[in-house]
Amino acid sequence: MTTAVGTLGTILTKDVAGSPQLIGQIQDVSGPDLSTDTDEYTNHDSSGGVEEFIPTIKRTGEITMPVVFNGADASHDEATGLIKHWEDKVLDDYELEYPDGSKWQFNAYVTGLSMGAPVDGHLMADVTFRPSGAPVFVGP
C-alpha cells in the first residue's frame, strides 16, 4: 500500500524572541535543495579506467516560495516582516512544518524578494531563503 502526505496547511514560522511568528499566505514551497559536491580522484591505477570520486562539501541550496503579498501583514511588512528580514541581512531561525507534523528547522537569510502585480491577478512576491549551516529534519 502506498501512502502520501497532503501538503495543504504547510506553515512557515520565524523565531522572534523565542516565540514563532507565522509567515502568512505562503504558496508552493520548494526546497531545501540538499546536494553534495564531489572531488574526482581518477588516476592511472583506477580499476578499469573508471572515474572515482569522494564527497566533499554538503550544499543546502535555497528554499523558495511565492507569497500572496499583503504590505499590511506584519509577517510581510518593512517593520518586522520579510522586507525587514531582507533589509537587515540577519541570520534568522525558521521552521517549515508539514501537515503530518514533520518539519525542517533551519537558519537562513532572506536573499530574494521579487514582487509581482499581474493585471489579472493578486499582489505577490517570490521569496528566497538561503540556509546557512545544516537544516535539521524532524520526523512526525
N, C-alpha and C. Protein backbone atom coordinates (compact mmCIF):
# COMPACT_ATOMS: atom_id res chain seq x y z
N MET A 1 0.84 -1.19 0.00
CA MET A 1 0.00 0.00 0.00
C MET A 1 0.88 1.24 0.00
N THR A 2 0.52 2.18 -0.84
CA THR A 2 1.26 3.44 -0.93
C THR A 2 0.54 4.50 -0.11
N THR A 3 1.31 5.32 0.57
CA THR A 3 0.72 6.43 1.31
C THR A 3 1.35 7.73 0.85
N ALA A 4 0.63 8.79 0.95
CA ALA A 4 1.13 10.11 0.57
C ALA A 4 0.69 11.10 1.63
N VAL A 5 1.46 12.17 1.75
CA VAL A 5 1.14 13.22 2.70
C VAL A 5 0.68 14.44 1.91
N GLY A 6 -0.54 14.89 2.15
CA GLY A 6 -1.03 16.11 1.53
C GLY A 6 -0.28 17.30 2.11
N THR A 7 -0.08 18.33 1.31
CA THR A 7 0.74 19.46 1.76
C THR A 7 -0.06 20.71 2.09
N LEU A 8 -1.36 20.72 1.81
CA LEU A 8 -2.17 21.88 2.14
C LEU A 8 -2.16 22.07 3.66
N GLY A 9 -1.78 23.25 4.09
CA GLY A 9 -1.66 23.52 5.52
C GLY A 9 -0.22 23.61 5.99
N THR A 10 0.74 23.50 5.06
CA THR A 10 2.15 23.68 5.40
C THR A 10 2.34 25.10 5.92
N ILE A 11 3.11 25.25 7.00
CA ILE A 11 3.33 26.59 7.57
C ILE A 11 4.82 26.88 7.70
N LEU A 12 5.14 28.16 7.60
CA LEU A 12 6.50 28.65 7.80
C LEU A 12 6.46 29.64 8.96
N THR A 13 7.33 29.42 9.95
CA THR A 13 7.42 30.36 11.07
C THR A 13 8.85 30.83 11.23
N LYS A 14 8.98 32.02 11.76
CA LYS A 14 10.28 32.61 12.10
C LYS A 14 10.30 32.78 13.61
N ASP A 15 11.41 32.43 14.23
CA ASP A 15 11.53 32.59 15.68
C ASP A 15 11.77 34.07 15.99
N VAL A 16 10.90 34.64 16.78
CA VAL A 16 11.03 36.03 17.22
C VAL A 16 11.09 36.01 18.74
N ALA A 17 12.28 36.23 19.27
CA ALA A 17 12.48 36.27 20.73
C ALA A 17 11.87 35.06 21.42
N GLY A 18 12.09 33.88 20.84
CA GLY A 18 11.62 32.65 21.46
C GLY A 18 10.19 32.27 21.18
N SER A 19 9.48 33.08 20.37
CA SER A 19 8.12 32.69 20.03
C SER A 19 7.95 32.75 18.51
N PRO A 20 7.22 31.77 17.93
CA PRO A 20 7.11 31.70 16.48
C PRO A 20 6.20 32.77 15.89
N GLN A 21 6.68 33.40 14.80
CA GLN A 21 5.86 34.35 14.04
C GLN A 21 5.51 33.66 12.73
N LEU A 22 4.22 33.46 12.47
CA LEU A 22 3.77 32.84 11.24
C LEU A 22 4.06 33.76 10.06
N ILE A 23 4.68 33.22 9.01
CA ILE A 23 4.84 33.95 7.75
C ILE A 23 3.60 33.61 6.94
N GLY A 24 2.71 34.59 6.78
CA GLY A 24 1.39 34.34 6.21
C GLY A 24 1.36 34.14 4.71
N GLN A 25 0.39 33.37 4.27
CA GLN A 25 -0.02 33.21 2.88
C GLN A 25 1.07 32.68 1.95
N ILE A 26 1.87 31.71 2.45
CA ILE A 26 2.87 31.09 1.57
C ILE A 26 2.16 30.15 0.60
N GLN A 27 2.80 29.93 -0.54
CA GLN A 27 2.23 29.02 -1.53
C GLN A 27 3.18 27.86 -1.79
N ASP A 28 3.49 27.54 -3.01
CA ASP A 28 4.25 26.34 -3.40
C ASP A 28 5.70 26.39 -2.91
N VAL A 29 6.00 25.66 -1.87
CA VAL A 29 7.32 25.66 -1.26
C VAL A 29 8.24 24.72 -2.05
N SER A 30 9.46 25.20 -2.31
CA SER A 30 10.47 24.39 -2.96
C SER A 30 11.74 24.43 -2.13
N GLY A 31 12.27 23.26 -1.79
CA GLY A 31 13.50 23.20 -1.02
C GLY A 31 13.24 22.74 0.40
N PRO A 32 14.27 22.52 1.17
CA PRO A 32 15.66 22.80 0.83
C PRO A 32 16.18 21.85 -0.25
N ASP A 33 17.12 22.35 -1.04
CA ASP A 33 17.72 21.60 -2.14
C ASP A 33 19.08 21.08 -1.70
N LEU A 34 19.09 19.94 -1.05
CA LEU A 34 20.31 19.38 -0.49
C LEU A 34 21.11 18.64 -1.56
N SER A 35 22.41 18.88 -1.58
CA SER A 35 23.28 18.19 -2.52
C SER A 35 24.68 18.10 -1.90
N THR A 36 25.53 17.29 -2.52
CA THR A 36 26.91 17.14 -2.07
C THR A 36 27.84 17.28 -3.25
N ASP A 37 28.82 18.16 -3.12
CA ASP A 37 29.86 18.28 -4.14
C ASP A 37 30.74 17.04 -4.10
N THR A 38 31.43 16.79 -5.19
CA THR A 38 32.37 15.67 -5.23
C THR A 38 33.69 16.13 -5.81
N ASP A 39 34.73 15.40 -5.46
CA ASP A 39 36.07 15.65 -5.99
C ASP A 39 36.53 14.39 -6.71
N GLU A 40 36.83 14.53 -7.97
CA GLU A 40 37.31 13.37 -8.73
C GLU A 40 38.77 13.10 -8.44
N TYR A 41 39.10 11.84 -8.21
CA TYR A 41 40.49 11.47 -7.99
C TYR A 41 40.92 10.31 -8.90
N THR A 42 40.27 10.20 -10.06
CA THR A 42 40.63 9.15 -11.02
C THR A 42 42.12 9.25 -11.34
N ASN A 43 42.76 8.07 -11.42
CA ASN A 43 44.20 8.06 -11.73
C ASN A 43 44.53 6.83 -12.58
N HIS A 44 45.76 6.69 -12.92
CA HIS A 44 46.18 5.58 -13.79
C HIS A 44 45.98 4.22 -13.14
N ASP A 45 45.81 4.16 -11.82
CA ASP A 45 45.59 2.90 -11.12
C ASP A 45 44.10 2.61 -10.89
N SER A 46 43.22 3.52 -11.32
CA SER A 46 41.79 3.31 -11.10
C SER A 46 41.32 2.07 -11.85
N SER A 47 40.63 1.21 -11.14
CA SER A 47 40.19 -0.07 -11.67
C SER A 47 39.35 0.10 -12.92
N GLY A 48 39.81 -0.53 -14.01
CA GLY A 48 39.07 -0.49 -15.27
C GLY A 48 39.05 0.86 -15.93
N GLY A 49 39.83 1.82 -15.44
CA GLY A 49 39.83 3.16 -16.02
C GLY A 49 38.53 3.91 -15.77
N VAL A 50 37.82 3.51 -14.72
CA VAL A 50 36.53 4.14 -14.38
C VAL A 50 36.77 5.26 -13.38
N GLU A 51 36.11 6.37 -13.60
CA GLU A 51 36.29 7.52 -12.73
C GLU A 51 35.93 7.20 -11.29
N GLU A 52 36.63 7.86 -10.36
CA GLU A 52 36.40 7.69 -8.93
C GLU A 52 36.23 9.05 -8.28
N PHE A 53 35.36 9.11 -7.26
CA PHE A 53 35.03 10.37 -6.59
C PHE A 53 35.00 10.18 -5.08
N ILE A 54 35.17 11.30 -4.38
CA ILE A 54 34.89 11.35 -2.95
C ILE A 54 33.93 12.52 -2.70
N PRO A 55 33.06 12.39 -1.71
CA PRO A 55 32.17 13.51 -1.39
C PRO A 55 32.94 14.60 -0.65
N THR A 56 32.57 15.86 -0.90
CA THR A 56 33.23 16.98 -0.22
C THR A 56 32.17 17.84 0.49
N ILE A 57 31.94 19.03 0.03
CA ILE A 57 31.06 19.99 0.71
C ILE A 57 29.58 19.65 0.49
N LYS A 58 28.82 19.65 1.60
CA LYS A 58 27.36 19.50 1.51
C LYS A 58 26.77 20.88 1.25
N ARG A 59 25.86 20.95 0.30
CA ARG A 59 25.20 22.22 -0.06
C ARG A 59 23.75 22.20 0.39
N THR A 60 23.29 23.35 0.87
CA THR A 60 21.90 23.46 1.33
C THR A 60 20.97 24.02 0.27
N GLY A 61 21.52 24.61 -0.77
CA GLY A 61 20.68 25.20 -1.80
C GLY A 61 19.85 26.33 -1.24
N GLU A 62 18.65 26.47 -1.77
CA GLU A 62 17.76 27.55 -1.35
C GLU A 62 16.38 26.98 -1.05
N ILE A 63 15.60 27.78 -0.35
CA ILE A 63 14.19 27.47 -0.12
C ILE A 63 13.42 28.64 -0.72
N THR A 64 12.54 28.34 -1.65
CA THR A 64 11.81 29.40 -2.34
C THR A 64 10.32 29.16 -2.27
N MET A 65 9.57 30.23 -2.36
CA MET A 65 8.12 30.12 -2.37
C MET A 65 7.49 31.44 -2.81
N PRO A 66 6.39 31.35 -3.56
CA PRO A 66 5.60 32.55 -3.78
C PRO A 66 4.75 32.82 -2.53
N VAL A 67 4.45 34.08 -2.31
CA VAL A 67 3.65 34.51 -1.17
C VAL A 67 2.55 35.44 -1.69
N VAL A 68 1.33 35.21 -1.25
CA VAL A 68 0.25 36.18 -1.53
C VAL A 68 0.59 37.38 -0.66
N PHE A 69 1.14 38.42 -1.26
CA PHE A 69 1.73 39.52 -0.50
C PHE A 69 0.69 40.53 -0.04
N ASN A 70 0.86 40.97 1.22
CA ASN A 70 0.00 42.00 1.80
C ASN A 70 0.89 42.89 2.66
N GLY A 71 1.14 44.10 2.22
CA GLY A 71 2.02 45.03 2.93
C GLY A 71 1.55 45.38 4.33
N ALA A 72 0.25 45.14 4.62
CA ALA A 72 -0.28 45.41 5.96
C ALA A 72 -0.09 44.22 6.90
N ASP A 73 0.36 43.08 6.37
CA ASP A 73 0.61 41.88 7.17
C ASP A 73 1.97 42.04 7.86
N ALA A 74 2.00 41.94 9.18
CA ALA A 74 3.24 42.13 9.93
C ALA A 74 4.32 41.13 9.52
N SER A 75 3.94 39.97 9.00
CA SER A 75 4.95 39.00 8.57
C SER A 75 5.52 39.32 7.20
N HIS A 76 4.98 40.34 6.53
CA HIS A 76 5.46 40.75 5.21
C HIS A 76 6.09 42.14 5.21
N ASP A 77 5.71 43.00 6.12
CA ASP A 77 5.99 44.44 6.03
C ASP A 77 7.45 44.83 6.25
N GLU A 78 7.69 46.14 6.13
CA GLU A 78 9.04 46.71 6.26
C GLU A 78 9.47 46.90 7.71
N ALA A 79 8.54 46.79 8.64
CA ALA A 79 8.88 47.00 10.06
C ALA A 79 9.35 45.71 10.72
N THR A 80 8.66 44.61 10.47
CA THR A 80 9.00 43.35 11.16
C THR A 80 9.00 42.13 10.25
N GLY A 81 8.57 42.25 9.01
CA GLY A 81 8.34 41.09 8.15
C GLY A 81 9.44 40.78 7.16
N LEU A 82 9.06 40.13 6.07
CA LEU A 82 10.01 39.66 5.06
C LEU A 82 10.88 40.77 4.49
N ILE A 83 10.28 41.94 4.25
CA ILE A 83 11.06 43.07 3.72
C ILE A 83 12.14 43.46 4.73
N LYS A 84 11.78 43.52 5.99
CA LYS A 84 12.74 43.86 7.05
C LYS A 84 13.83 42.79 7.15
N HIS A 85 13.46 41.51 7.06
CA HIS A 85 14.44 40.43 7.13
C HIS A 85 15.47 40.56 6.00
N TRP A 86 14.98 40.93 4.80
CA TRP A 86 15.88 41.12 3.67
C TRP A 86 16.79 42.34 3.91
N GLU A 87 16.19 43.45 4.35
CA GLU A 87 16.96 44.68 4.58
C GLU A 87 18.06 44.49 5.63
N ASP A 88 17.76 43.76 6.69
CA ASP A 88 18.69 43.63 7.82
C ASP A 88 19.86 42.67 7.59
N LYS A 89 19.73 41.76 6.62
CA LYS A 89 20.78 40.77 6.37
C LYS A 89 21.15 40.01 7.63
N VAL A 90 20.12 39.60 8.39
CA VAL A 90 20.34 38.90 9.65
C VAL A 90 19.99 37.42 9.46
N LEU A 91 20.83 36.56 10.03
CA LEU A 91 20.57 35.13 10.02
C LEU A 91 19.48 34.84 11.05
N ASP A 92 18.34 34.34 10.59
CA ASP A 92 17.20 34.08 11.47
C ASP A 92 16.87 32.59 11.51
N ASP A 93 16.16 32.19 12.56
CA ASP A 93 15.73 30.80 12.74
C ASP A 93 14.33 30.63 12.14
N TYR A 94 14.19 29.61 11.27
CA TYR A 94 12.91 29.33 10.63
C TYR A 94 12.54 27.87 10.85
N GLU A 95 11.23 27.61 10.71
CA GLU A 95 10.74 26.24 10.76
C GLU A 95 9.65 26.10 9.71
N LEU A 96 9.81 25.08 8.87
CA LEU A 96 8.84 24.76 7.83
C LEU A 96 8.16 23.47 8.27
N GLU A 97 6.87 23.55 8.61
CA GLU A 97 6.16 22.39 9.15
C GLU A 97 5.08 21.91 8.19
N TYR A 98 5.10 20.60 7.93
CA TYR A 98 4.13 19.97 7.04
C TYR A 98 2.93 19.47 7.85
N PRO A 99 1.80 19.22 7.18
CA PRO A 99 0.60 18.80 7.89
C PRO A 99 0.74 17.51 8.71
N ASP A 100 1.70 16.65 8.37
CA ASP A 100 1.87 15.41 9.14
C ASP A 100 2.70 15.61 10.41
N GLY A 101 3.14 16.85 10.65
CA GLY A 101 3.94 17.16 11.83
C GLY A 101 5.44 17.10 11.61
N SER A 102 5.88 16.60 10.44
CA SER A 102 7.32 16.62 10.15
C SER A 102 7.72 18.05 9.81
N LYS A 103 8.99 18.36 9.98
CA LYS A 103 9.41 19.75 9.77
C LYS A 103 10.89 19.85 9.44
N TRP A 104 11.24 20.94 8.79
CA TRP A 104 12.62 21.35 8.59
C TRP A 104 12.87 22.55 9.48
N GLN A 105 13.94 22.51 10.24
CA GLN A 105 14.37 23.66 11.04
C GLN A 105 15.69 24.13 10.44
N PHE A 106 15.81 25.44 10.22
CA PHE A 106 17.00 25.95 9.55
C PHE A 106 17.24 27.41 9.90
N ASN A 107 18.50 27.81 9.83
CA ASN A 107 18.89 29.22 9.96
C ASN A 107 19.08 29.73 8.54
N ALA A 108 18.53 30.91 8.25
CA ALA A 108 18.61 31.40 6.87
C ALA A 108 18.56 32.92 6.81
N TYR A 109 19.04 33.41 5.68
CA TYR A 109 18.90 34.80 5.31
C TYR A 109 17.81 34.89 4.25
N VAL A 110 17.05 35.99 4.23
CA VAL A 110 16.17 36.27 3.10
C VAL A 110 17.07 36.90 2.06
N THR A 111 17.31 36.18 0.96
CA THR A 111 18.23 36.67 -0.08
C THR A 111 17.52 37.15 -1.32
N GLY A 112 16.23 36.94 -1.41
CA GLY A 112 15.49 37.40 -2.58
C GLY A 112 14.06 37.72 -2.24
N LEU A 113 13.56 38.79 -2.83
CA LEU A 113 12.17 39.20 -2.66
C LEU A 113 11.77 39.88 -3.96
N SER A 114 11.07 39.15 -4.81
CA SER A 114 10.72 39.64 -6.13
C SER A 114 9.21 39.86 -6.20
N MET A 115 8.81 41.11 -6.29
CA MET A 115 7.39 41.47 -6.28
C MET A 115 6.76 41.27 -7.65
N GLY A 116 5.45 40.96 -7.64
CA GLY A 116 4.69 40.83 -8.88
C GLY A 116 3.30 41.40 -8.69
N ALA A 117 2.82 42.07 -9.74
CA ALA A 117 1.47 42.63 -9.72
C ALA A 117 0.83 42.41 -11.09
N PRO A 118 0.42 41.16 -11.38
CA PRO A 118 -0.16 40.87 -12.69
C PRO A 118 -1.51 41.57 -12.87
N VAL A 119 -1.80 41.97 -14.09
CA VAL A 119 -3.05 42.66 -14.39
C VAL A 119 -4.26 41.83 -13.98
N ASP A 120 -4.21 40.54 -14.21
CA ASP A 120 -5.37 39.69 -13.92
C ASP A 120 -5.18 38.84 -12.66
N GLY A 121 -4.40 39.35 -11.71
CA GLY A 121 -4.12 38.54 -10.53
C GLY A 121 -4.05 39.36 -9.26
N HIS A 122 -3.28 38.85 -8.31
CA HIS A 122 -3.14 39.48 -7.00
C HIS A 122 -1.68 39.89 -6.78
N LEU A 123 -1.48 40.77 -5.81
CA LEU A 123 -0.14 41.19 -5.44
C LEU A 123 0.58 39.99 -4.83
N MET A 124 1.80 39.75 -5.30
CA MET A 124 2.53 38.59 -4.82
C MET A 124 4.02 38.89 -4.76
N ALA A 125 4.74 38.01 -4.07
CA ALA A 125 6.20 38.12 -4.01
C ALA A 125 6.78 36.72 -4.06
N ASP A 126 7.87 36.56 -4.80
CA ASP A 126 8.64 35.33 -4.75
C ASP A 126 9.74 35.55 -3.73
N VAL A 127 9.80 34.70 -2.72
CA VAL A 127 10.74 34.87 -1.62
C VAL A 127 11.77 33.75 -1.67
N THR A 128 13.04 34.12 -1.47
CA THR A 128 14.13 33.15 -1.45
C THR A 128 14.84 33.22 -0.11
N PHE A 129 14.99 32.07 0.51
CA PHE A 129 15.75 31.92 1.75
C PHE A 129 17.01 31.13 1.43
N ARG A 130 18.13 31.56 1.98
CA ARG A 130 19.39 30.83 1.80
C ARG A 130 19.85 30.32 3.16
N PRO A 131 19.69 29.01 3.42
CA PRO A 131 20.14 28.46 4.69
C PRO A 131 21.65 28.57 4.88
N SER A 132 22.06 28.76 6.11
CA SER A 132 23.47 28.76 6.49
C SER A 132 23.62 27.70 7.57
N GLY A 133 24.46 26.72 7.33
CA GLY A 133 24.55 25.58 8.23
C GLY A 133 23.58 24.51 7.81
N ALA A 134 23.59 23.40 8.52
CA ALA A 134 22.78 22.24 8.15
C ALA A 134 21.33 22.39 8.58
N PRO A 135 20.38 22.26 7.64
CA PRO A 135 18.97 22.18 8.03
C PRO A 135 18.76 20.87 8.78
N VAL A 136 17.83 20.88 9.73
CA VAL A 136 17.56 19.69 10.53
C VAL A 136 16.15 19.21 10.21
N PHE A 137 16.03 17.94 9.83
CA PHE A 137 14.71 17.36 9.58
C PHE A 137 14.25 16.65 10.85
N VAL A 138 13.01 16.93 11.26
CA VAL A 138 12.42 16.30 12.43
C VAL A 138 11.18 15.56 11.96
N GLY A 139 11.16 14.26 12.15
CA GLY A 139 10.01 13.45 11.72
C GLY A 139 8.79 13.68 12.58
N PRO A 140 7.64 13.22 12.08
CA PRO A 140 6.39 13.41 12.83
C PRO A 140 6.37 12.63 14.13
